[in-house]
N, C-alpha and C. Protein backbone atom coordinates (compact mmCIF):
# COMPACT_ATOMS: atom_id res chain seq x y z
N MET A 1 3.02 -22.23 -9.76
CA MET A 1 2.50 -20.89 -9.53
C MET A 1 3.60 -19.85 -9.75
N ILE A 2 3.19 -18.67 -10.16
CA ILE A 2 4.14 -17.58 -10.38
C ILE A 2 4.59 -17.02 -9.04
N ALA A 3 5.90 -17.00 -8.81
CA ALA A 3 6.45 -16.51 -7.54
C ALA A 3 7.11 -15.15 -7.68
N GLY A 4 7.38 -14.74 -8.93
CA GLY A 4 8.02 -13.45 -9.13
C GLY A 4 8.02 -13.06 -10.59
N LEU A 5 8.18 -11.76 -10.85
CA LEU A 5 8.23 -11.26 -12.21
C LEU A 5 9.42 -10.31 -12.35
N LYS A 6 10.10 -10.39 -13.48
CA LYS A 6 11.20 -9.48 -13.77
C LYS A 6 11.08 -9.09 -15.23
N GLY A 7 10.79 -7.82 -15.46
CA GLY A 7 10.59 -7.39 -16.83
C GLY A 7 10.60 -5.88 -16.94
N VAL A 8 9.76 -5.36 -17.84
CA VAL A 8 9.69 -3.92 -18.07
C VAL A 8 8.31 -3.41 -17.65
N LEU A 9 8.29 -2.32 -16.92
CA LEU A 9 7.03 -1.73 -16.47
C LEU A 9 6.40 -0.97 -17.63
N VAL A 10 5.20 -1.41 -18.06
CA VAL A 10 4.55 -0.76 -19.20
C VAL A 10 3.34 0.08 -18.81
N GLU A 11 2.74 -0.24 -17.64
CA GLU A 11 1.63 0.56 -17.14
C GLU A 11 1.64 0.50 -15.62
N LYS A 12 1.14 1.57 -14.99
CA LYS A 12 1.03 1.54 -13.54
C LYS A 12 -0.07 2.49 -13.08
N GLY A 13 -0.72 2.08 -11.99
CA GLY A 13 -1.76 2.89 -11.40
C GLY A 13 -1.63 2.79 -9.90
N PRO A 14 -2.55 3.40 -9.14
CA PRO A 14 -2.44 3.37 -7.68
C PRO A 14 -2.58 1.98 -7.09
N LEU A 15 -3.23 1.05 -7.81
CA LEU A 15 -3.46 -0.28 -7.24
C LEU A 15 -3.09 -1.43 -8.18
N GLU A 16 -2.42 -1.12 -9.29
CA GLU A 16 -2.01 -2.20 -10.19
C GLU A 16 -0.86 -1.77 -11.08
N ALA A 17 -0.20 -2.77 -11.62
CA ALA A 17 0.91 -2.52 -12.54
C ALA A 17 0.87 -3.60 -13.61
N ILE A 18 1.35 -3.26 -14.79
CA ILE A 18 1.45 -4.25 -15.87
C ILE A 18 2.92 -4.38 -16.24
N VAL A 19 3.42 -5.60 -16.13
CA VAL A 19 4.84 -5.88 -16.38
C VAL A 19 4.97 -6.76 -17.62
N ASP A 20 5.79 -6.32 -18.56
CA ASP A 20 6.04 -7.08 -19.79
C ASP A 20 7.27 -7.96 -19.56
N VAL A 21 7.04 -9.26 -19.59
CA VAL A 21 8.14 -10.21 -19.43
C VAL A 21 8.33 -10.95 -20.75
N GLN A 22 9.30 -10.50 -21.51
CA GLN A 22 9.63 -11.11 -22.80
C GLN A 22 8.40 -11.25 -23.69
N GLY A 23 7.63 -10.18 -23.79
CA GLY A 23 6.48 -10.17 -24.70
C GLY A 23 5.16 -10.59 -24.09
N VAL A 24 5.19 -11.08 -22.86
CA VAL A 24 3.96 -11.46 -22.17
C VAL A 24 3.68 -10.44 -21.07
N ALA A 25 2.52 -9.80 -21.13
CA ALA A 25 2.19 -8.75 -20.16
C ALA A 25 1.38 -9.32 -19.01
N TYR A 26 1.83 -9.08 -17.81
CA TYR A 26 1.15 -9.58 -16.61
C TYR A 26 0.55 -8.39 -15.84
N ARG A 27 -0.73 -8.50 -15.51
CA ARG A 27 -1.38 -7.48 -14.69
C ARG A 27 -1.26 -7.92 -13.23
N VAL A 28 -0.69 -7.05 -12.41
CA VAL A 28 -0.43 -7.40 -11.01
C VAL A 28 -1.07 -6.37 -10.08
N ALA A 29 -1.81 -6.86 -9.09
CA ALA A 29 -2.40 -5.96 -8.09
C ALA A 29 -1.33 -5.61 -7.07
N ILE A 30 -1.22 -4.32 -6.73
CA ILE A 30 -0.21 -3.86 -5.79
C ILE A 30 -0.83 -2.86 -4.81
N SER A 31 -0.13 -2.57 -3.74
CA SER A 31 -0.62 -1.59 -2.78
C SER A 31 -0.28 -0.18 -3.27
N THR A 32 -0.98 0.81 -2.75
CA THR A 32 -0.70 2.20 -3.10
C THR A 32 0.74 2.56 -2.74
N MET A 33 1.18 2.05 -1.60
CA MET A 33 2.54 2.33 -1.15
C MET A 33 3.57 1.77 -2.13
N ALA A 34 3.33 0.56 -2.62
CA ALA A 34 4.25 -0.06 -3.58
C ALA A 34 4.23 0.70 -4.90
N SER A 35 3.05 1.17 -5.29
CA SER A 35 2.91 1.92 -6.54
C SER A 35 3.81 3.15 -6.55
N GLY A 36 3.90 3.80 -5.40
CA GLY A 36 4.73 4.99 -5.30
C GLY A 36 6.22 4.72 -5.44
N ARG A 37 6.61 3.46 -5.28
CA ARG A 37 8.03 3.11 -5.37
C ARG A 37 8.42 2.50 -6.71
N LEU A 38 7.45 2.35 -7.59
CA LEU A 38 7.75 1.77 -8.90
C LEU A 38 8.58 2.73 -9.73
N PRO A 39 9.39 2.19 -10.64
CA PRO A 39 10.20 3.06 -11.52
C PRO A 39 9.31 3.71 -12.58
N GLU A 40 9.89 4.54 -13.42
CA GLU A 40 9.15 5.17 -14.50
C GLU A 40 8.80 4.11 -15.55
N LEU A 41 7.76 4.40 -16.35
CA LEU A 41 7.36 3.47 -17.40
C LEU A 41 8.51 3.22 -18.36
N GLY A 42 8.64 1.98 -18.80
CA GLY A 42 9.71 1.62 -19.71
C GLY A 42 10.98 1.17 -19.03
N GLN A 43 10.99 1.27 -17.69
CA GLN A 43 12.18 0.88 -16.93
C GLN A 43 12.05 -0.56 -16.41
N PRO A 44 13.17 -1.21 -16.13
CA PRO A 44 13.13 -2.58 -15.59
C PRO A 44 12.49 -2.59 -14.20
N VAL A 45 11.78 -3.65 -13.90
CA VAL A 45 11.16 -3.78 -12.59
C VAL A 45 11.16 -5.25 -12.18
N SER A 46 11.33 -5.48 -10.89
CA SER A 46 11.32 -6.84 -10.36
C SER A 46 10.43 -6.85 -9.12
N MET A 47 9.55 -7.82 -9.02
CA MET A 47 8.69 -7.90 -7.85
C MET A 47 8.36 -9.34 -7.47
N ARG A 48 8.14 -9.53 -6.20
CA ARG A 48 7.72 -10.83 -5.70
C ARG A 48 6.22 -10.95 -5.98
N VAL A 49 5.74 -12.16 -6.21
CA VAL A 49 4.34 -12.34 -6.60
C VAL A 49 3.69 -13.50 -5.84
N ARG A 50 2.45 -13.30 -5.48
CA ARG A 50 1.63 -14.37 -4.91
C ARG A 50 0.46 -14.60 -5.85
N THR A 51 0.24 -15.84 -6.24
CA THR A 51 -0.83 -16.19 -7.16
C THR A 51 -2.04 -16.68 -6.37
N VAL A 52 -3.18 -16.08 -6.62
CA VAL A 52 -4.41 -16.48 -5.94
C VAL A 52 -5.37 -17.02 -7.00
N VAL A 53 -5.70 -18.30 -6.88
CA VAL A 53 -6.57 -18.95 -7.85
C VAL A 53 -8.00 -19.03 -7.32
N ARG A 54 -8.92 -18.53 -8.13
CA ARG A 54 -10.34 -18.63 -7.80
C ARG A 54 -11.04 -19.43 -8.89
N GLU A 55 -12.31 -19.69 -8.70
CA GLU A 55 -13.04 -20.49 -9.69
C GLU A 55 -13.06 -19.83 -11.06
N ASP A 56 -13.17 -18.50 -11.06
CA ASP A 56 -13.31 -17.80 -12.33
C ASP A 56 -12.14 -16.90 -12.69
N ALA A 57 -11.07 -16.98 -11.91
CA ALA A 57 -9.95 -16.08 -12.20
C ALA A 57 -8.65 -16.55 -11.55
N LEU A 58 -7.54 -16.01 -12.07
CA LEU A 58 -6.23 -16.26 -11.51
C LEU A 58 -5.61 -14.87 -11.30
N ASP A 59 -5.50 -14.45 -10.06
CA ASP A 59 -5.04 -13.10 -9.76
C ASP A 59 -3.61 -13.09 -9.24
N LEU A 60 -2.85 -12.09 -9.65
CA LEU A 60 -1.48 -11.93 -9.20
C LEU A 60 -1.38 -10.72 -8.27
N TYR A 61 -0.74 -10.89 -7.13
CA TYR A 61 -0.53 -9.81 -6.17
C TYR A 61 0.98 -9.60 -6.03
N GLY A 62 1.42 -8.38 -6.28
CA GLY A 62 2.85 -8.10 -6.30
C GLY A 62 3.35 -7.31 -5.12
N PHE A 63 4.63 -7.51 -4.78
CA PHE A 63 5.25 -6.86 -3.62
C PHE A 63 6.70 -6.49 -3.97
N LEU A 64 7.15 -5.36 -3.45
CA LEU A 64 8.50 -4.92 -3.74
C LEU A 64 9.49 -5.29 -2.64
N SER A 65 9.00 -5.97 -1.60
CA SER A 65 9.90 -6.43 -0.54
C SER A 65 9.35 -7.71 0.08
N LYS A 66 10.23 -8.49 0.67
CA LYS A 66 9.82 -9.74 1.32
C LYS A 66 8.92 -9.47 2.52
N PRO A 67 9.23 -8.48 3.39
CA PRO A 67 8.36 -8.21 4.53
C PRO A 67 6.93 -7.85 4.12
N GLU A 68 6.79 -7.09 3.03
CA GLU A 68 5.44 -6.73 2.58
C GLU A 68 4.68 -7.97 2.14
N GLU A 69 5.36 -8.88 1.45
CA GLU A 69 4.73 -10.13 1.01
C GLU A 69 4.33 -10.97 2.22
N GLU A 70 5.21 -11.07 3.20
CA GLU A 70 4.92 -11.87 4.39
C GLU A 70 3.76 -11.27 5.19
N LEU A 71 3.71 -9.95 5.23
CA LEU A 71 2.63 -9.29 5.94
C LEU A 71 1.30 -9.54 5.23
N PHE A 72 1.34 -9.56 3.89
CA PHE A 72 0.15 -9.88 3.09
C PHE A 72 -0.36 -11.27 3.44
N LEU A 73 0.55 -12.23 3.55
CA LEU A 73 0.17 -13.60 3.88
C LEU A 73 -0.42 -13.68 5.29
N MET A 74 0.15 -12.92 6.21
CA MET A 74 -0.38 -12.89 7.57
C MET A 74 -1.79 -12.31 7.58
N LEU A 75 -1.98 -11.24 6.84
CA LEU A 75 -3.29 -10.59 6.80
C LEU A 75 -4.35 -11.53 6.23
N THR A 76 -4.00 -12.23 5.16
CA THR A 76 -4.98 -13.13 4.54
C THR A 76 -5.24 -14.38 5.37
N SER A 77 -4.41 -14.61 6.39
CA SER A 77 -4.64 -15.76 7.28
C SER A 77 -5.70 -15.44 8.33
N VAL A 78 -6.02 -14.15 8.47
CA VAL A 78 -7.03 -13.72 9.44
C VAL A 78 -8.42 -13.99 8.86
N SER A 79 -9.31 -14.49 9.69
CA SER A 79 -10.65 -14.82 9.24
C SER A 79 -11.35 -13.60 8.65
N GLN A 80 -12.02 -13.81 7.54
CA GLN A 80 -12.80 -12.79 6.83
C GLN A 80 -11.94 -11.70 6.18
N VAL A 81 -10.65 -11.96 6.04
CA VAL A 81 -9.78 -11.01 5.34
C VAL A 81 -9.23 -11.70 4.09
N GLY A 82 -9.72 -11.26 2.94
CA GLY A 82 -9.28 -11.82 1.68
C GLY A 82 -8.12 -11.03 1.09
N PRO A 83 -7.63 -11.43 -0.08
CA PRO A 83 -6.50 -10.75 -0.72
C PRO A 83 -6.74 -9.26 -0.97
N LYS A 84 -7.94 -8.91 -1.43
CA LYS A 84 -8.23 -7.51 -1.74
C LYS A 84 -8.25 -6.66 -0.47
N MET A 85 -8.83 -7.19 0.59
CA MET A 85 -8.85 -6.47 1.86
C MET A 85 -7.42 -6.32 2.40
N ALA A 86 -6.62 -7.37 2.26
CA ALA A 86 -5.24 -7.34 2.73
C ALA A 86 -4.46 -6.26 1.98
N LEU A 87 -4.67 -6.16 0.67
CA LEU A 87 -3.98 -5.16 -0.13
C LEU A 87 -4.45 -3.75 0.27
N ASN A 88 -5.72 -3.64 0.61
CA ASN A 88 -6.27 -2.36 1.06
C ASN A 88 -5.59 -1.92 2.36
N VAL A 89 -5.39 -2.88 3.26
CA VAL A 89 -4.72 -2.58 4.54
C VAL A 89 -3.28 -2.15 4.29
N LEU A 90 -2.61 -2.85 3.37
CA LEU A 90 -1.23 -2.50 3.04
C LEU A 90 -1.14 -1.12 2.38
N SER A 91 -2.24 -0.69 1.77
CA SER A 91 -2.27 0.63 1.13
C SER A 91 -2.49 1.73 2.15
N GLY A 92 -3.03 1.36 3.31
CA GLY A 92 -3.36 2.35 4.33
C GLY A 92 -2.17 2.82 5.14
N LEU A 93 -1.22 1.92 5.36
CA LEU A 93 -0.02 2.26 6.13
C LEU A 93 1.18 1.57 5.51
N ASP A 94 2.32 2.24 5.52
CA ASP A 94 3.53 1.62 5.01
C ASP A 94 3.88 0.42 5.90
N THR A 95 4.61 -0.54 5.34
CA THR A 95 4.87 -1.80 6.05
C THR A 95 5.40 -1.63 7.49
N PRO A 96 6.44 -0.84 7.72
CA PRO A 96 6.93 -0.69 9.09
C PRO A 96 5.88 -0.10 10.03
N GLU A 97 5.10 0.86 9.52
CA GLU A 97 4.07 1.51 10.34
C GLU A 97 2.93 0.54 10.66
N LEU A 98 2.58 -0.29 9.69
CA LEU A 98 1.51 -1.26 9.90
C LEU A 98 1.94 -2.31 10.91
N VAL A 99 3.18 -2.75 10.80
CA VAL A 99 3.72 -3.72 11.76
C VAL A 99 3.66 -3.14 13.18
N THR A 100 4.05 -1.88 13.31
CA THR A 100 4.03 -1.21 14.62
C THR A 100 2.61 -1.11 15.16
N ALA A 101 1.67 -0.71 14.30
CA ALA A 101 0.28 -0.56 14.71
C ALA A 101 -0.31 -1.88 15.19
N LEU A 102 0.01 -2.96 14.49
CA LEU A 102 -0.49 -4.28 14.87
C LEU A 102 0.17 -4.77 16.16
N ALA A 103 1.48 -4.59 16.24
CA ALA A 103 2.22 -5.07 17.41
C ALA A 103 1.80 -4.34 18.69
N LYS A 104 1.48 -3.06 18.56
CA LYS A 104 1.08 -2.27 19.73
C LYS A 104 -0.42 -2.29 19.98
N GLY A 105 -1.15 -2.98 19.11
CA GLY A 105 -2.59 -3.09 19.29
C GLY A 105 -3.32 -1.77 19.09
N GLU A 106 -2.85 -0.97 18.14
CA GLU A 106 -3.45 0.35 17.89
C GLU A 106 -4.71 0.22 17.02
N VAL A 107 -5.77 -0.25 17.63
CA VAL A 107 -7.03 -0.47 16.93
C VAL A 107 -7.56 0.82 16.31
N ALA A 108 -7.51 1.91 17.05
CA ALA A 108 -8.02 3.19 16.55
C ALA A 108 -7.31 3.62 15.27
N ARG A 109 -6.01 3.39 15.24
CA ARG A 109 -5.25 3.78 14.05
C ARG A 109 -5.62 2.91 12.86
N LEU A 110 -5.82 1.64 13.11
CA LEU A 110 -6.17 0.72 12.04
C LEU A 110 -7.55 1.01 11.46
N THR A 111 -8.48 1.45 12.30
CA THR A 111 -9.83 1.73 11.82
C THR A 111 -9.88 2.96 10.92
N LYS A 112 -8.82 3.75 10.92
CA LYS A 112 -8.78 4.92 10.06
C LYS A 112 -8.31 4.58 8.65
N ILE A 113 -7.95 3.31 8.45
CA ILE A 113 -7.63 2.85 7.10
C ILE A 113 -8.97 2.64 6.40
N HIS A 114 -9.11 3.16 5.21
CA HIS A 114 -10.37 3.07 4.47
C HIS A 114 -10.84 1.62 4.34
N GLY A 115 -12.06 1.36 4.75
CA GLY A 115 -12.63 0.02 4.61
C GLY A 115 -12.40 -0.91 5.79
N VAL A 116 -11.68 -0.45 6.81
CA VAL A 116 -11.40 -1.29 7.98
C VAL A 116 -12.26 -0.82 9.16
N GLY A 117 -13.20 -1.66 9.57
CA GLY A 117 -14.06 -1.33 10.69
C GLY A 117 -13.42 -1.76 12.01
N LYS A 118 -14.08 -1.42 13.10
CA LYS A 118 -13.54 -1.72 14.42
C LYS A 118 -13.38 -3.22 14.65
N LYS A 119 -14.39 -4.01 14.26
CA LYS A 119 -14.32 -5.46 14.47
C LYS A 119 -13.16 -6.08 13.68
N THR A 120 -13.00 -5.61 12.44
CA THR A 120 -11.90 -6.13 11.62
C THR A 120 -10.55 -5.75 12.23
N ALA A 121 -10.44 -4.50 12.67
CA ALA A 121 -9.19 -4.04 13.29
C ALA A 121 -8.87 -4.84 14.54
N GLU A 122 -9.88 -5.10 15.36
CA GLU A 122 -9.67 -5.87 16.59
C GLU A 122 -9.25 -7.30 16.26
N ARG A 123 -9.83 -7.85 15.20
CA ARG A 123 -9.49 -9.22 14.79
C ARG A 123 -8.05 -9.28 14.28
N LEU A 124 -7.65 -8.25 13.53
CA LEU A 124 -6.28 -8.19 13.01
C LEU A 124 -5.27 -8.14 14.16
N VAL A 125 -5.55 -7.31 15.14
CA VAL A 125 -4.66 -7.18 16.29
C VAL A 125 -4.60 -8.49 17.08
N LEU A 126 -5.77 -9.07 17.33
CA LEU A 126 -5.85 -10.30 18.11
C LEU A 126 -5.04 -11.43 17.48
N GLU A 127 -5.17 -11.58 16.17
CA GLU A 127 -4.53 -12.71 15.49
C GLU A 127 -3.09 -12.44 15.03
N LEU A 128 -2.72 -11.17 14.90
CA LEU A 128 -1.39 -10.88 14.34
C LEU A 128 -0.43 -10.16 15.28
N LYS A 129 -0.92 -9.73 16.42
CA LYS A 129 -0.09 -8.94 17.34
C LYS A 129 1.27 -9.58 17.62
N ASP A 130 1.27 -10.85 17.91
CA ASP A 130 2.54 -11.53 18.21
C ASP A 130 3.30 -11.95 16.95
N LYS A 131 2.56 -12.34 15.91
CA LYS A 131 3.19 -12.80 14.67
C LYS A 131 4.01 -11.71 13.99
N VAL A 132 3.48 -10.47 13.97
CA VAL A 132 4.18 -9.41 13.23
C VAL A 132 5.49 -9.00 13.89
N LYS A 133 5.66 -9.31 15.15
CA LYS A 133 6.89 -8.94 15.84
C LYS A 133 8.10 -9.63 15.20
N LEU A 134 7.86 -10.76 14.55
CA LEU A 134 8.93 -11.48 13.87
C LEU A 134 9.41 -10.72 12.65
N LEU A 135 8.54 -9.86 12.10
CA LEU A 135 8.91 -9.09 10.92
C LEU A 135 9.79 -7.90 11.26
N GLY A 136 9.74 -7.46 12.50
CA GLY A 136 10.48 -6.27 12.90
C GLY A 136 11.95 -6.31 12.56
N THR A 137 12.57 -7.48 12.72
CA THR A 137 14.01 -7.61 12.47
C THR A 137 14.33 -7.62 10.98
N GLU A 138 13.31 -7.85 10.13
CA GLU A 138 13.55 -7.93 8.69
C GLU A 138 13.38 -6.58 8.00
N LEU A 139 12.78 -5.62 8.68
CA LEU A 139 12.53 -4.33 8.07
C LEU A 139 13.78 -3.48 8.07
N THR A 140 14.00 -2.76 6.98
CA THR A 140 15.13 -1.86 6.89
C THR A 140 14.61 -0.43 6.84
N PRO A 141 15.42 0.55 7.25
CA PRO A 141 14.97 1.94 7.22
C PRO A 141 14.45 2.38 5.86
N SER A 142 15.05 1.87 4.78
CA SER A 142 14.66 2.29 3.43
C SER A 142 13.24 1.89 3.11
N GLU A 143 12.74 0.84 3.78
CA GLU A 143 11.40 0.40 3.50
C GLU A 143 10.36 1.36 4.07
N GLY A 144 10.81 2.15 5.03
CA GLY A 144 9.89 3.14 5.56
C GLY A 144 9.70 4.27 4.56
N GLY A 145 10.77 4.60 3.84
CA GLY A 145 10.70 5.64 2.84
C GLY A 145 10.30 6.97 3.44
N LYS A 146 9.98 7.92 2.58
CA LYS A 146 9.47 9.22 3.02
C LYS A 146 8.03 9.30 2.61
N ARG A 147 7.20 8.52 3.28
CA ARG A 147 5.79 8.45 2.93
C ARG A 147 4.95 9.16 3.96
N PRO A 148 3.77 9.67 3.58
CA PRO A 148 2.87 10.26 4.55
C PRO A 148 2.49 9.22 5.58
N THR A 149 2.49 9.56 6.85
CA THR A 149 2.22 8.59 7.89
C THR A 149 0.84 8.73 8.50
N ALA A 150 0.08 9.76 8.12
CA ALA A 150 -1.24 9.94 8.69
C ALA A 150 -2.19 8.88 8.16
N PRO A 151 -3.19 8.48 8.95
CA PRO A 151 -4.14 7.45 8.54
C PRO A 151 -4.85 7.74 7.24
N MET A 152 -5.16 9.03 6.97
CA MET A 152 -5.90 9.34 5.75
C MET A 152 -4.99 9.54 4.55
N ALA A 153 -3.69 9.32 4.72
CA ALA A 153 -2.73 9.57 3.64
C ALA A 153 -3.05 8.78 2.38
N SER A 154 -3.39 7.50 2.52
CA SER A 154 -3.65 6.68 1.35
C SER A 154 -4.86 7.17 0.57
N ASP A 155 -5.91 7.60 1.27
CA ASP A 155 -7.09 8.13 0.59
C ASP A 155 -6.75 9.41 -0.16
N LEU A 156 -5.90 10.22 0.45
CA LEU A 156 -5.50 11.49 -0.15
C LEU A 156 -4.68 11.24 -1.41
N VAL A 157 -3.72 10.32 -1.31
CA VAL A 157 -2.88 9.98 -2.45
C VAL A 157 -3.73 9.40 -3.58
N SER A 158 -4.65 8.50 -3.23
CA SER A 158 -5.52 7.87 -4.22
C SER A 158 -6.37 8.91 -4.96
N ALA A 159 -6.90 9.86 -4.22
CA ALA A 159 -7.74 10.91 -4.82
C ALA A 159 -6.92 11.75 -5.80
N LEU A 160 -5.69 12.06 -5.45
CA LEU A 160 -4.83 12.86 -6.32
C LEU A 160 -4.43 12.09 -7.57
N VAL A 161 -4.14 10.80 -7.39
CA VAL A 161 -3.76 9.97 -8.53
C VAL A 161 -4.94 9.86 -9.50
N ASN A 162 -6.15 9.77 -8.96
CA ASN A 162 -7.34 9.68 -9.80
C ASN A 162 -7.56 10.94 -10.64
N LEU A 163 -6.96 12.05 -10.20
CA LEU A 163 -7.05 13.30 -10.95
C LEU A 163 -6.00 13.38 -12.04
N GLY A 164 -5.11 12.38 -12.06
CA GLY A 164 -4.11 12.34 -13.11
C GLY A 164 -2.68 12.60 -12.69
N TYR A 165 -2.48 12.89 -11.39
CA TYR A 165 -1.12 13.14 -10.91
C TYR A 165 -0.38 11.82 -10.73
N LYS A 166 0.93 11.84 -10.89
CA LYS A 166 1.74 10.64 -10.71
C LYS A 166 1.78 10.29 -9.22
N PRO A 167 1.87 8.99 -8.89
CA PRO A 167 1.90 8.57 -7.47
C PRO A 167 2.98 9.30 -6.66
N GLN A 168 4.17 9.47 -7.28
CA GLN A 168 5.25 10.15 -6.54
C GLN A 168 4.87 11.59 -6.22
N GLN A 169 4.26 12.28 -7.20
CA GLN A 169 3.82 13.67 -6.99
C GLN A 169 2.74 13.71 -5.92
N ALA A 170 1.79 12.77 -6.01
CA ALA A 170 0.67 12.74 -5.09
C ALA A 170 1.14 12.49 -3.66
N GLU A 171 2.08 11.58 -3.49
CA GLU A 171 2.57 11.26 -2.14
C GLU A 171 3.34 12.42 -1.54
N ALA A 172 4.15 13.10 -2.37
CA ALA A 172 4.91 14.24 -1.87
C ALA A 172 3.96 15.37 -1.46
N ALA A 173 2.95 15.62 -2.30
CA ALA A 173 1.98 16.68 -2.01
C ALA A 173 1.15 16.33 -0.78
N ALA A 174 0.80 15.04 -0.64
CA ALA A 174 0.01 14.62 0.51
C ALA A 174 0.79 14.81 1.80
N GLY A 175 2.08 14.48 1.75
CA GLY A 175 2.91 14.65 2.94
C GLY A 175 2.99 16.10 3.37
N THR A 176 3.19 17.00 2.39
CA THR A 176 3.26 18.44 2.69
C THR A 176 1.92 18.95 3.20
N ALA A 177 0.83 18.49 2.56
CA ALA A 177 -0.51 18.94 2.94
C ALA A 177 -0.85 18.52 4.37
N LEU A 178 -0.45 17.32 4.74
CA LEU A 178 -0.74 16.83 6.09
C LEU A 178 0.03 17.65 7.13
N GLU A 179 1.23 18.07 6.77
CA GLU A 179 2.02 18.89 7.69
C GLU A 179 1.40 20.27 7.86
N ARG A 180 0.92 20.83 6.75
CA ARG A 180 0.36 22.17 6.79
C ARG A 180 -1.05 22.21 7.41
N ALA A 181 -1.90 21.29 6.97
CA ALA A 181 -3.28 21.29 7.44
C ALA A 181 -3.42 20.62 8.80
N GLY A 182 -2.48 19.70 9.09
CA GLY A 182 -2.56 18.97 10.35
C GLY A 182 -3.25 17.63 10.14
N GLU A 183 -2.75 16.60 10.81
CA GLU A 183 -3.29 15.25 10.63
C GLU A 183 -4.73 15.14 11.11
N GLY A 184 -5.14 16.04 12.01
CA GLY A 184 -6.50 15.96 12.53
C GLY A 184 -7.50 16.73 11.69
N ALA A 185 -7.03 17.40 10.62
CA ALA A 185 -7.92 18.19 9.77
C ALA A 185 -8.82 17.28 8.94
N ALA A 186 -9.93 17.84 8.49
CA ALA A 186 -10.87 17.07 7.66
C ALA A 186 -10.22 16.74 6.32
N PHE A 187 -10.68 15.66 5.72
CA PHE A 187 -10.11 15.21 4.45
C PHE A 187 -10.19 16.32 3.39
N GLU A 188 -11.33 17.02 3.34
CA GLU A 188 -11.52 18.08 2.34
C GLU A 188 -10.45 19.16 2.48
N ALA A 189 -10.13 19.53 3.72
CA ALA A 189 -9.12 20.56 3.97
C ALA A 189 -7.74 20.08 3.52
N GLN A 190 -7.43 18.81 3.81
CA GLN A 190 -6.15 18.26 3.41
C GLN A 190 -6.05 18.16 1.88
N PHE A 191 -7.17 17.79 1.26
CA PHE A 191 -7.21 17.65 -0.20
C PHE A 191 -6.98 19.01 -0.88
N ARG A 192 -7.64 20.06 -0.37
CA ARG A 192 -7.46 21.40 -0.94
C ARG A 192 -6.00 21.86 -0.78
N GLU A 193 -5.42 21.55 0.37
CA GLU A 193 -4.03 21.94 0.62
C GLU A 193 -3.09 21.21 -0.33
N ALA A 194 -3.37 19.94 -0.58
CA ALA A 194 -2.53 19.14 -1.49
C ALA A 194 -2.59 19.70 -2.91
N LEU A 195 -3.78 20.11 -3.32
CA LEU A 195 -3.93 20.70 -4.66
C LEU A 195 -3.15 22.00 -4.77
N LYS A 196 -3.15 22.79 -3.69
CA LYS A 196 -2.37 24.04 -3.68
C LYS A 196 -0.89 23.74 -3.88
N VAL A 197 -0.43 22.71 -3.17
CA VAL A 197 0.99 22.32 -3.27
C VAL A 197 1.35 21.93 -4.69
N LEU A 198 0.48 21.16 -5.32
CA LEU A 198 0.74 20.69 -6.68
C LEU A 198 0.69 21.84 -7.70
N ARG A 199 -0.22 22.77 -7.48
CA ARG A 199 -0.38 23.88 -8.42
C ARG A 199 0.71 24.92 -8.31
N THR A 200 1.26 25.04 -7.11
CA THR A 200 2.33 26.04 -6.91
C THR A 200 3.71 25.46 -7.17
N GLY A 201 3.73 24.12 -7.33
CA GLY A 201 5.00 23.46 -7.63
C GLY A 201 5.89 23.38 -6.45
């Protein structure tokens, strides 16, 4: 199985990247958070990979750090949580923040991740609350980055990227918009504020 890729980044989106390894292009599913940390197109990139084999497909899931990969494995060990759902959860909160939310049993915060209902959030906390504490010592400050920390941040970033903005631009604008509009503001208000930030430079 493929455990890692090291090559040139030829394409990237909010949830996937294509890496050229000596002439062979690999499509890898990644989290929104990881997408924002990828280099510019044409630059070297290295990522850890988990291969998921299904009856009709062989999917690659990529990670830019060991803790993110381990958290992915923990998430997929929870009943009724598959690889795509796990990646969605990783897109909702940055790795250190997600670890904190799970360790503290912050069900309400987890339910604000797009696609995560109350039952799923409760199941994640129940099964991972103690396990994720082991990851705490492996996280470094750099992994937290300067990312938006509000629950709706990932949806906001995704919406901006879909309009054609680069992930880095979208994340910076989302962070500013959340500060200006307030984390409790409606998504529409935050989205309008983010567009203002991008248009005014």
